[in-house]
């Protein structure tokens, strides 16, 4: 599989990173997601009272295609497996 195809698959993922200012774990999560070629939509939980109540003590929170996958710390190995599984699913759907 060529790099262009891999990039296209990653771009299809809808990633949301729930974050807040001055959160070192949030910064780490963003760097890790970007290192895997992902461009998450970053949402500050403190800007929305409902999100602050929902995620206050557990940021960062990473949502992938509508499912919360990580809270607090992003596991690099599990993230890579999720991306690979998603890519494999895309490839089988394209066939």
PDB file of N, CA and C in Angstrom:
ATOM      1  N   UNK A   1       0.858  -1.168   0.000  1.00  0.00           N
ATOM      2  CA  UNK A   1       0.000   0.000   0.000  1.00  0.00           C
ATOM      3  C   UNK A   1       0.904   1.230   0.000  1.00  0.00           C
ATOM      4  N   UNK A   2       0.630   2.193  -0.870  1.00  0.00           N
ATOM      5  CA  UNK A   2       1.500   3.358  -0.938  1.00  0.00           C
ATOM      6  C   UNK A   2       1.161   4.387   0.130  1.00  0.00           C
ATOM      7  N   UNK A   3       2.105   5.331   0.361  1.00  0.00           N
ATOM      8  CA  UNK A   3       1.935   6.325   1.425  1.00  0.00           C
ATOM      9  C   UNK A   3       0.749   7.238   1.162  1.00  0.00           C
ATOM     10  N   UNK A   4       0.462   7.549  -0.091  1.00  0.00           N
ATOM     11  CA  UNK A   4      -0.682   8.407  -0.420  1.00  0.00           C
ATOM     12  C   UNK A   4      -1.990   7.739   0.015  1.00  0.00           C
ATOM     13  N   UNK A   5      -2.124   6.429  -0.209  1.00  0.00           N
ATOM     14  CA  UNK A   5      -3.321   5.694   0.194  1.00  0.00           C
ATOM     15  C   UNK A   5      -3.449   5.691   1.717  1.00  0.00           C
ATOM     16  N   UNK A   6      -2.316   5.472   2.421  1.00  0.00           N
ATOM     17  CA  UNK A   6      -2.344   5.486   3.882  1.00  0.00           C
ATOM     18  C   UNK A   6      -2.796   6.846   4.401  1.00  0.00           C
ATOM     19  N   UNK A   7      -2.277   7.905   3.805  1.00  0.00           N
ATOM     20  CA  UNK A   7      -2.658   9.251   4.224  1.00  0.00           C
ATOM     21  C   UNK A   7      -4.131   9.494   3.987  1.00  0.00           C
ATOM     22  N   UNK A   8      -4.655   9.060   2.861  1.00  0.00           N
ATOM     23  CA  UNK A   8      -6.076   9.241   2.555  1.00  0.00           C
ATOM     24  C   UNK A   8      -6.942   8.521   3.582  1.00  0.00           C
ATOM     25  N   UNK A   9      -6.542   7.325   4.009  1.00  0.00           N
ATOM     26  CA  UNK A   9      -7.298   6.586   5.022  1.00  0.00           C
ATOM     27  C   UNK A   9      -7.307   7.334   6.340  1.00  0.00           C
ATOM     28  N   UNK A  10      -6.150   7.854   6.716  1.00  0.00           N
ATOM     29  CA  UNK A  10      -6.069   8.581   7.974  1.00  0.00           C
ATOM     30  C   UNK A  10      -6.937   9.829   7.939  1.00  0.00           C
ATOM     31  N   UNK A  11      -6.990  10.478   6.789  1.00  0.00           N
ATOM     32  CA  UNK A  11      -7.790  11.691   6.675  1.00  0.00           C
ATOM     33  C   UNK A  11      -9.281  11.390   6.803  1.00  0.00           C
ATOM     34  N   UNK A  12      -9.700  10.196   6.520  1.00  0.00           N
ATOM     35  CA  UNK A  12     -11.110   9.820   6.647  1.00  0.00           C
ATOM     36  C   UNK A  12     -11.537   9.671   8.098  1.00  0.00           C
ATOM     37  N   UNK A  13     -10.577   9.425   8.984  1.00  0.00           N
ATOM     38  CA  UNK A  13     -10.907   9.308  10.392  1.00  0.00           C
ATOM     39  C   UNK A  13     -11.330  10.676  10.919  1.00  0.00           C
ATOM     40  N   UNK A  14     -12.389  10.697  11.694  1.00  0.00           N
ATOM     41  CA  UNK A  14     -12.787  11.946  12.348  1.00  0.00           C
ATOM     42  C   UNK A  14     -12.313  11.860  13.790  1.00  0.00           C
ATOM     43  N   UNK A  15     -11.298  12.662  14.112  1.00  0.00           N
ATOM     44  CA  UNK A  15     -10.673  12.637  15.421  1.00  0.00           C
ATOM     45  C   UNK A  15     -11.022  13.929  16.156  1.00  0.00           C
ATOM     46  N   UNK A  16     -11.512  13.805  17.365  1.00  0.00           N
ATOM     47  CA  UNK A  16     -11.761  14.960  18.222  1.00  0.00           C
ATOM     48  C   UNK A  16     -10.905  14.785  19.469  1.00  0.00           C
ATOM     49  N   UNK A  17     -10.153  15.835  19.797  1.00  0.00           N
ATOM     50  CA  UNK A  17      -9.350  15.848  21.015  1.00  0.00           C
ATOM     51  C   UNK A  17      -9.961  16.880  21.952  1.00  0.00           C
ATOM     52  N   UNK A  18     -10.549  16.394  23.036  1.00  0.00           N
ATOM     53  CA  UNK A  18     -11.092  17.279  24.063  1.00  0.00           C
ATOM     54  C   UNK A  18      -9.926  17.634  24.980  1.00  0.00           C
ATOM     55  N   UNK A  19      -9.673  18.917  25.142  1.00  0.00           N
ATOM     56  CA  UNK A  19      -8.459  19.391  25.777  1.00  0.00           C
ATOM     57  C   UNK A  19      -8.743  20.605  26.647  1.00  0.00           C
ATOM     58  N   UNK A  20      -7.691  21.135  27.238  1.00  0.00           N
ATOM     59  CA  UNK A  20      -7.787  22.411  27.963  1.00  0.00           C
ATOM     60  C   UNK A  20      -6.394  23.035  27.993  1.00  0.00           C
ATOM     61  N   UNK A  21      -6.363  24.321  28.257  1.00  0.00           N
ATOM     62  CA  UNK A  21      -5.090  25.047  28.332  1.00  0.00           C
ATOM     63  C   UNK A  21      -4.254  24.536  29.501  1.00  0.00           C
ATOM     64  N   UNK A  22      -2.946  24.598  29.330  1.00  0.00           N
ATOM     65  CA  UNK A  22      -1.983  24.229  30.384  1.00  0.00           C
ATOM     66  C   UNK A  22      -2.120  22.786  30.848  1.00  0.00           C
ATOM     67  N   UNK A  23      -2.456  21.911  29.921  1.00  0.00           N
ATOM     68  CA  UNK A  23      -2.601  20.479  30.223  1.00  0.00           C
ATOM     69  C   UNK A  23      -1.486  19.731  29.487  1.00  0.00           C
ATOM     70  N   UNK A  24      -0.475  19.288  30.238  1.00  0.00           N
ATOM     71  CA  UNK A  24       0.652  18.624  29.573  1.00  0.00           C
ATOM     72  C   UNK A  24       0.242  17.306  28.933  1.00  0.00           C
ATOM     73  N   UNK A  25      -0.706  16.577  29.510  1.00  0.00           N
ATOM     74  CA  UNK A  25      -1.167  15.337  28.882  1.00  0.00           C
ATOM     75  C   UNK A  25      -1.901  15.631  27.572  1.00  0.00           C
ATOM     76  N   UNK A  26      -2.613  16.752  27.530  1.00  0.00           N
ATOM     77  CA  UNK A  26      -3.300  17.168  26.295  1.00  0.00           C
ATOM     78  C   UNK A  26      -2.275  17.477  25.211  1.00  0.00           C
ATOM     79  N   UNK A  27      -1.203  18.179  25.596  1.00  0.00           N
ATOM     80  CA  UNK A  27      -0.132  18.491  24.651  1.00  0.00           C
ATOM     81  C   UNK A  27       0.510  17.206  24.133  1.00  0.00           C
ATOM     82  N   UNK A  28       0.757  16.266  25.034  1.00  0.00           N
ATOM     83  CA  UNK A  28       1.340  14.972  24.637  1.00  0.00           C
ATOM     84  C   UNK A  28       0.420  14.235  23.670  1.00  0.00           C
ATOM     85  N   UNK A  29      -0.876  14.241  23.962  1.00  0.00           N
ATOM     86  CA  UNK A  29      -1.844  13.550  23.103  1.00  0.00           C
ATOM     87  C   UNK A  29      -1.866  14.162  21.712  1.00  0.00           C
ATOM     88  N   UNK A  30      -1.859  15.486  21.639  1.00  0.00           N
ATOM     89  CA  UNK A  30      -1.864  16.154  20.336  1.00  0.00           C
ATOM     90  C   UNK A  30      -0.613  15.796  19.546  1.00  0.00           C
ATOM     91  N   UNK A  31       0.546  15.834  20.182  1.00  0.00           N
ATOM     92  CA  UNK A  31       1.796  15.480  19.478  1.00  0.00           C
ATOM     93  C   UNK A  31       1.751  14.038  18.971  1.00  0.00           C
ATOM     94  N   UNK A  32       1.236  13.127  19.788  1.00  0.00           N
ATOM     95  CA  UNK A  32       1.169  11.721  19.384  1.00  0.00           C
ATOM     96  C   UNK A  32       0.222  11.531  18.202  1.00  0.00           C
ATOM     97  N   UNK A  33      -0.936  12.164  18.256  1.00  0.00           N
ATOM     98  CA  UNK A  33      -1.889  12.066  17.140  1.00  0.00           C
ATOM     99  C   UNK A  33      -1.269  12.623  15.862  1.00  0.00           C
ATOM    100  N   UNK A  34      -0.622  13.771  15.974  1.00  0.00           N
ATOM    101  CA  UNK A  34       0.017  14.381  14.799  1.00  0.00           C
ATOM    102  C   UNK A  34       1.166  13.518  14.283  1.00  0.00           C
ATOM    103  N   UNK A  35       1.902  12.870  15.173  1.00  0.00           N
ATOM    104  CA  UNK A  35       3.003  11.984  14.763  1.00  0.00           C
ATOM    105  C   UNK A  35       2.494  10.794  13.952  1.00  0.00           C
ATOM    106  N   UNK A  36       1.224  10.430  14.157  1.00  0.00           N
ATOM    107  CA  UNK A  36       0.605   9.343  13.390  1.00  0.00           C
ATOM    108  C   UNK A  36      -0.108   9.870  12.142  1.00  0.00           C
ATOM    109  N   UNK A  37       0.145  11.123  11.804  1.00  0.00           N
ATOM    110  CA  UNK A  37      -0.429  11.697  10.591  1.00  0.00           C
ATOM    111  C   UNK A  37      -1.881  12.121  10.744  1.00  0.00           C
ATOM    112  N   UNK A  38      -2.352  12.259  11.968  1.00  0.00           N
ATOM    113  CA  UNK A  38      -3.745  12.625  12.212  1.00  0.00           C
ATOM    114  C   UNK A  38      -3.846  14.113  12.532  1.00  0.00           C
ATOM    115  N   UNK A  39      -4.949  14.716  12.157  1.00  0.00           N
ATOM    116  CA  UNK A  39      -5.184  16.135  12.408  1.00  0.00           C
ATOM    117  C   UNK A  39      -6.489  16.267  13.192  1.00  0.00           C
ATOM    118  N   UNK A  40      -6.407  16.164  14.507  1.00  0.00           N
ATOM    119  CA  UNK A  40      -7.637  16.184  15.305  1.00  0.00           C
ATOM    120  C   UNK A  40      -8.278  17.561  15.363  1.00  0.00           C
ATOM    121  N   UNK A  41      -9.576  17.547  15.533  1.00  0.00           N
ATOM    122  CA  UNK A  41     -10.306  18.762  15.861  1.00  0.00           C
ATOM    123  C   UNK A  41     -10.138  18.935  17.366  1.00  0.00           C
ATOM    124  N   UNK A  42      -9.557  20.052  17.789  1.00  0.00           N
ATOM    125  CA  UNK A  42      -9.313  20.289  19.209  1.00  0.00           C
ATOM    126  C   UNK A  42     -10.438  21.130  19.798  1.00  0.00           C
ATOM    127  N   UNK A  43     -11.017  20.641  20.875  1.00  0.00           N
ATOM    128  CA  UNK A  43     -12.115  21.336  21.542  1.00  0.00           C
ATOM    129  C   UNK A  43     -11.738  21.563  22.997  1.00  0.00           C
ATOM    130  N   UNK A  44     -11.780  22.818  23.409  1.00  0.00           N
ATOM    131  CA  UNK A  44     -11.465  23.201  24.783  1.00  0.00           C
ATOM    132  C   UNK A  44     -12.684  22.926  25.660  1.00  0.00           C
ATOM    133  N   UNK A  45     -12.556  21.994  26.588  1.00  0.00           N
ATOM    134  CA  UNK A  45     -13.693  21.635  27.438  1.00  0.00           C
ATOM    135  C   UNK A  45     -14.117  22.782  28.352  1.00  0.00           C
ATOM    136  N   UNK A  46     -13.194  23.676  28.654  1.00  0.00           N
ATOM    137  CA  UNK A  46     -13.520  24.791  29.551  1.00  0.00           C
ATOM    138  C   UNK A  46     -14.348  25.869  28.859  1.00  0.00           C
ATOM    139  N   UNK A  47     -14.472  25.794  27.547  1.00  0.00           N
ATOM    140  CA  UNK A  47     -15.274  26.772  26.810  1.00  0.00           C
ATOM    141  C   UNK A  47     -16.749  26.412  26.786  1.00  0.00           C
ATOM    142  N   UNK A  48     -17.094  25.212  27.255  1.00  0.00           N
ATOM    143  CA  UNK A  48     -18.474  24.735  27.219  1.00  0.00           C
ATOM    144  C   UNK A  48     -18.798  24.073  28.564  1.00  0.00           C
ATOM    145  N   UNK A  49     -19.711  24.654  29.334  1.00  0.00           N
ATOM    146  CA  UNK A  49     -20.021  24.086  30.657  1.00  0.00           C
ATOM    147  C   UNK A  49     -20.418  22.604  30.624  1.00  0.00           C
ATOM    148  N   UNK A  50     -21.138  22.181  29.612  1.00  0.00           N
ATOM    149  CA  UNK A  50     -21.548  20.773  29.524  1.00  0.00           C
ATOM    150  C   UNK A  50     -20.341  19.859  29.304  1.00  0.00           C
ATOM    151  N   UNK A  51     -19.410  20.289  28.448  1.00  0.00           N
ATOM    152  CA  UNK A  51     -18.200  19.487  28.220  1.00  0.00           C
ATOM    153  C   UNK A  51     -17.301  19.492  29.449  1.00  0.00           C
ATOM    154  N   UNK A  52     -17.209  20.637  30.116  1.00  0.00           N
ATOM    155  CA  UNK A  52     -16.398  20.708  31.330  1.00  0.00           C
ATOM    156  C   UNK A  52     -16.945  19.746  32.387  1.00  0.00           C
ATOM    157  N   UNK A  53     -18.247  19.704  32.523  1.00  0.00           N
ATOM    158  CA  UNK A  53     -18.854  18.782  33.488  1.00  0.00           C
ATOM    159  C   UNK A  53     -18.612  17.324  33.088  1.00  0.00           C
ATOM    160  N   UNK A  54     -18.712  17.050  31.805  1.00  0.00           N
ATOM    161  CA  UNK A  54     -18.574  15.666  31.310  1.00  0.00           C
ATOM    162  C   UNK A  54     -17.127  15.164  31.379  1.00  0.00           C
ATOM    163  N   UNK A  55     -16.160  16.036  31.034  1.00  0.00           N
ATOM    164  CA  UNK A  55     -14.769  15.590  30.881  1.00  0.00           C
ATOM    165  C   UNK A  55     -13.785  16.237  31.852  1.00  0.00           C
ATOM    166  N   UNK A  56     -14.249  16.948  32.844  1.00  0.00           N
ATOM    167  CA  UNK A  56     -13.382  17.773  33.684  1.00  0.00           C
ATOM    168  C   UNK A  56     -12.131  17.066  34.183  1.00  0.00           C
ATOM    169  N   UNK A  57     -12.284  15.940  34.812  1.00  0.00           N
ATOM    170  CA  UNK A  57     -11.154  15.267  35.460  1.00  0.00           C
ATOM    171  C   UNK A  57     -10.440  14.260  34.573  1.00  0.00           C
ATOM    172  N   UNK A  58     -10.829  14.146  33.328  1.00  0.00           N
ATOM    173  CA  UNK A  58     -10.239  13.078  32.514  1.00  0.00           C
ATOM    174  C   UNK A  58      -9.651  13.551  31.186  1.00  0.00           C
ATOM    175  N   UNK A  59      -9.397  14.852  31.008  1.00  0.00           N
ATOM    176  CA  UNK A  59      -8.760  15.290  29.771  1.00  0.00           C
ATOM    177  C   UNK A  59      -7.308  14.867  29.767  1.00  0.00           C
ATOM    178  N   UNK A  60      -6.751  14.585  28.609  1.00  0.00           N
ATOM    179  CA  UNK A  60      -7.394  14.654  27.303  1.00  0.00           C
ATOM    180  C   UNK A  60      -8.318  13.468  27.062  1.00  0.00           C
ATOM    181  N   UNK A  61      -9.279  13.699  26.206  1.00  0.00           N
ATOM    182  CA  UNK A  61     -10.174  12.648  25.751  1.00  0.00           C
ATOM    183  C   UNK A  61     -10.077  12.620  24.231  1.00  0.00           C
ATOM    184  N   UNK A  62      -9.860  11.436  23.679  1.00  0.00           N
ATOM    185  CA  UNK A  62      -9.759  11.292  22.230  1.00  0.00           C
ATOM    186  C   UNK A  62     -10.949  10.490  21.741  1.00  0.00           C
ATOM    187  N   UNK A  63     -11.669  11.095  20.818  1.00  0.00           N
ATOM    188  CA  UNK A  63     -12.827  10.460  20.188  1.00  0.00           C
ATOM    189  C   UNK A  63     -12.457  10.168  18.735  1.00  0.00           C
ATOM    190  N   UNK A  64     -12.662   8.943  18.324  1.00  0.00           N
ATOM    191  CA  UNK A  64     -12.352   8.534  16.949  1.00  0.00           C
ATOM    192  C   UNK A  64     -13.636   8.025  16.322  1.00  0.00           C
ATOM    193  N   UNK A  65     -14.039   8.708  15.265  1.00  0.00           N
ATOM    194  CA  UNK A  65     -15.279   8.353  14.556  1.00  0.00           C
ATOM    195  C   UNK A  65     -16.460   8.186  15.510  1.00  0.00           C
ATOM    196  N   UNK A  66     -16.587   9.130  16.436  1.00  0.00           N
ATOM    197  CA  UNK A  66     -17.742   9.151  17.327  1.00  0.00           C
ATOM    198  C   UNK A  66     -17.639   8.289  18.571  1.00  0.00           C
ATOM    199  N   UNK A  67     -16.532   7.560  18.734  1.00  0.00           N
ATOM    200  CA  UNK A  67     -16.370   6.702  19.911  1.00  0.00           C
ATOM    201  C   UNK A  67     -15.196   7.193  20.746  1.00  0.00           C
ATOM    202  N   UNK A  68     -15.418   7.346  22.026  1.00  0.00           N
ATOM    203  CA  UNK A  68     -14.320   7.731  22.908  1.00  0.00           C
ATOM    204  C   UNK A  68     -13.388   6.533  23.048  1.00  0.00           C
ATOM    205  N   UNK A  69     -12.132   6.762  22.694  1.00  0.00           N
ATOM    206  CA  UNK A  69     -11.140   5.682  22.701  1.00  0.00           C
ATOM    207  C   UNK A  69     -10.099   5.833  23.800  1.00  0.00           C
ATOM    208  N   UNK A  70      -9.809   7.082  24.201  1.00  0.00           N
ATOM    209  CA  UNK A  70      -8.792   7.318  25.221  1.00  0.00           C
ATOM    210  C   UNK A  70      -9.258   8.412  26.164  1.00  0.00           C
ATOM    211  N   UNK A  71      -8.925   8.238  27.437  1.00  0.00           N
ATOM    212  CA  UNK A  71      -9.151   9.256  28.469  1.00  0.00           C
ATOM    213  C   UNK A  71      -7.865   9.362  29.283  1.00  0.00           C
ATOM    214  N   UNK A  72      -7.403  10.578  29.472  1.00  0.00           N
ATOM    215  CA  UNK A  72      -6.227  10.802  30.314  1.00  0.00           C
ATOM    216  C   UNK A  72      -4.909  10.653  29.603  1.00  0.00           C
ATOM    217  N   UNK A  73      -4.635   9.531  29.043  1.00  0.00           N
ATOM    218  CA  UNK A  73      -3.368   9.304  28.330  1.00  0.00           C
ATOM    219  C   UNK A  73      -3.672   8.453  27.100  1.00  0.00           C
ATOM    220  N   UNK A  74      -3.009   8.793  26.001  1.00  0.00           N
ATOM    221  CA  UNK A  74      -3.195   8.052  24.750  1.00  0.00           C
ATOM    222  C   UNK A  74      -2.100   6.993  24.665  1.00  0.00           C
ATOM    223  N   UNK A  75      -2.503   5.761  24.496  1.00  0.00           N
ATOM    224  CA  UNK A  75      -1.565   4.649  24.356  1.00  0.00           C
ATOM    225  C   UNK A  75      -1.158   4.548  22.885  1.00  0.00           C
ATOM    226  N   UNK A  76       0.133   4.751  22.608  1.00  0.00           N
ATOM    227  CA  UNK A  76       0.624   4.784  21.228  1.00  0.00           C
ATOM    228  C   UNK A  76       0.389   3.456  20.498  1.00  0.00           C
ATOM    229  N   UNK A  77       0.580   2.343  21.189  1.00  0.00           N
ATOM    230  CA  UNK A  77       0.401   1.029  20.563  1.00  0.00           C
ATOM    231  C   UNK A  77      -1.066   0.813  20.210  1.00  0.00           C
ATOM    232  N   UNK A  78      -1.948   1.120  21.121  1.00  0.00           N
ATOM    233  CA  UNK A  78      -3.377   0.954  20.861  1.00  0.00           C
ATOM    234  C   UNK A  78      -3.848   1.909  19.757  1.00  0.00           C
ATOM    235  N   UNK A  79      -3.328   3.135  19.753  1.00  0.00           N
ATOM    236  CA  UNK A  79      -3.678   4.077  18.695  1.00  0.00           C
ATOM    237  C   UNK A  79      -3.277   3.526  17.333  1.00  0.00           C
ATOM    238  N   UNK A  80      -2.060   3.006  17.227  1.00  0.00           N
ATOM    239  CA  UNK A  80      -1.590   2.439  15.958  1.00  0.00           C
ATOM    240  C   UNK A  80      -2.476   1.263  15.529  1.00  0.00           C
ATOM    241  N   UNK A  81      -2.860   0.418  16.481  1.00  0.00           N
ATOM    242  CA  UNK A  81      -3.746  -0.713  16.154  1.00  0.00           C
ATOM    243  C   UNK A  81      -5.104  -0.229  15.658  1.00  0.00           C
ATOM    244  N   UNK A  82      -5.652   0.806  16.291  1.00  0.00           N
ATOM    245  CA  UNK A  82      -6.942   1.351  15.851  1.00  0.00           C
ATOM    246  C   UNK A  82      -6.847   1.890  14.429  1.00  0.00           C
ATOM    247  N   UNK A  83      -5.756   2.597  14.136  1.00  0.00           N
ATOM    248  CA  UNK A  83      -5.562   3.146  12.792  1.00  0.00           C
ATOM    249  C   UNK A  83      -5.422   2.017  11.778  1.00  0.00           C
ATOM    250  N   UNK A  84      -4.620   1.013  12.113  1.00  0.00           N
ATOM    251  CA  UNK A  84      -4.420  -0.113  11.200  1.00  0.00           C
ATOM    252  C   UNK A  84      -5.713  -0.888  10.974  1.00  0.00           C
ATOM    253  N   UNK A  85      -6.479  -1.099  12.040  1.00  0.00           N
ATOM    254  CA  UNK A  85      -7.753  -1.806  11.912  1.00  0.00           C
ATOM    255  C   UNK A  85      -8.707  -1.019  11.025  1.00  0.00           C
ATOM    256  N   UNK A  86      -8.741   0.269  11.225  1.00  0.00           N
ATOM    257  CA  UNK A  86      -9.600   1.134  10.409  1.00  0.00           C
ATOM    258  C   UNK A  86      -9.164   1.068   8.945  1.00  0.00           C
ATOM    259  N   UNK A  87      -7.861   1.125   8.724  1.00  0.00           N
ATOM    260  CA  UNK A  87      -7.329   1.073   7.362  1.00  0.00           C
ATOM    261  C   UNK A  87      -7.677  -0.270   6.711  1.00  0.00           C
ATOM    262  N   UNK A  88      -7.544  -1.353   7.449  1.00  0.00           N
ATOM    263  CA  UNK A  88      -7.871  -2.679   6.921  1.00  0.00           C
ATOM    264  C   UNK A  88      -9.351  -2.759   6.585  1.00  0.00           C
ATOM    265  N   UNK A  89     -10.190  -2.170   7.409  1.00  0.00           N
ATOM    266  CA  UNK A  89     -11.639  -2.137   7.139  1.00  0.00           C
ATOM    267  C   UNK A  89     -11.954  -1.340   5.904  1.00  0.00           C
ATOM    268  N   UNK A  90     -11.253  -0.241   5.706  1.00  0.00           N
ATOM    269  CA  UNK A  90     -11.451   0.583   4.512  1.00  0.00           C
ATOM    270  C   UNK A  90     -11.039  -0.198   3.278  1.00  0.00           C
ATOM    271  N   UNK A  91      -9.894  -0.900   3.361  1.00  0.00           N
ATOM    272  CA  UNK A  91      -9.407  -1.660   2.219  1.00  0.00           C
ATOM    273  C   UNK A  91     -10.399  -2.756   1.837  1.00  0.00           C
ATOM    274  N   UNK A  92     -10.973  -3.439   2.824  1.00  0.00           N
ATOM    275  CA  UNK A  92     -11.917  -4.512   2.504  1.00  0.00           C
ATOM    276  C   UNK A  92     -13.215  -3.955   1.942  1.00  0.00           C
ATOM    277  N   UNK A  93     -13.604  -2.738   2.362  1.00  0.00           N
ATOM    278  CA  UNK A  93     -14.814  -2.114   1.816  1.00  0.00           C
ATOM    279  C   UNK A  93     -14.598  -1.634   0.394  1.00  0.00           C
ATOM    280  N   UNK A  94     -13.355  -1.270   0.070  1.00  0.00           N
ATOM    281  CA  UNK A  94     -13.035  -0.774  -1.266  1.00  0.00           C
ATOM    282  C   UNK A  94     -12.975  -1.902  -2.285  1.00  0.00           C
ATOM    283  N   UNK A  95     -12.795  -3.129  -1.821  1.00  0.00           N
ATOM    284  CA  UNK A  95     -12.642  -4.271  -2.738  1.00  0.00           C
ATOM    285  C   UNK A  95     -13.965  -4.677  -3.360  1.00  0.00           C
TER     286      UNK A  95
END
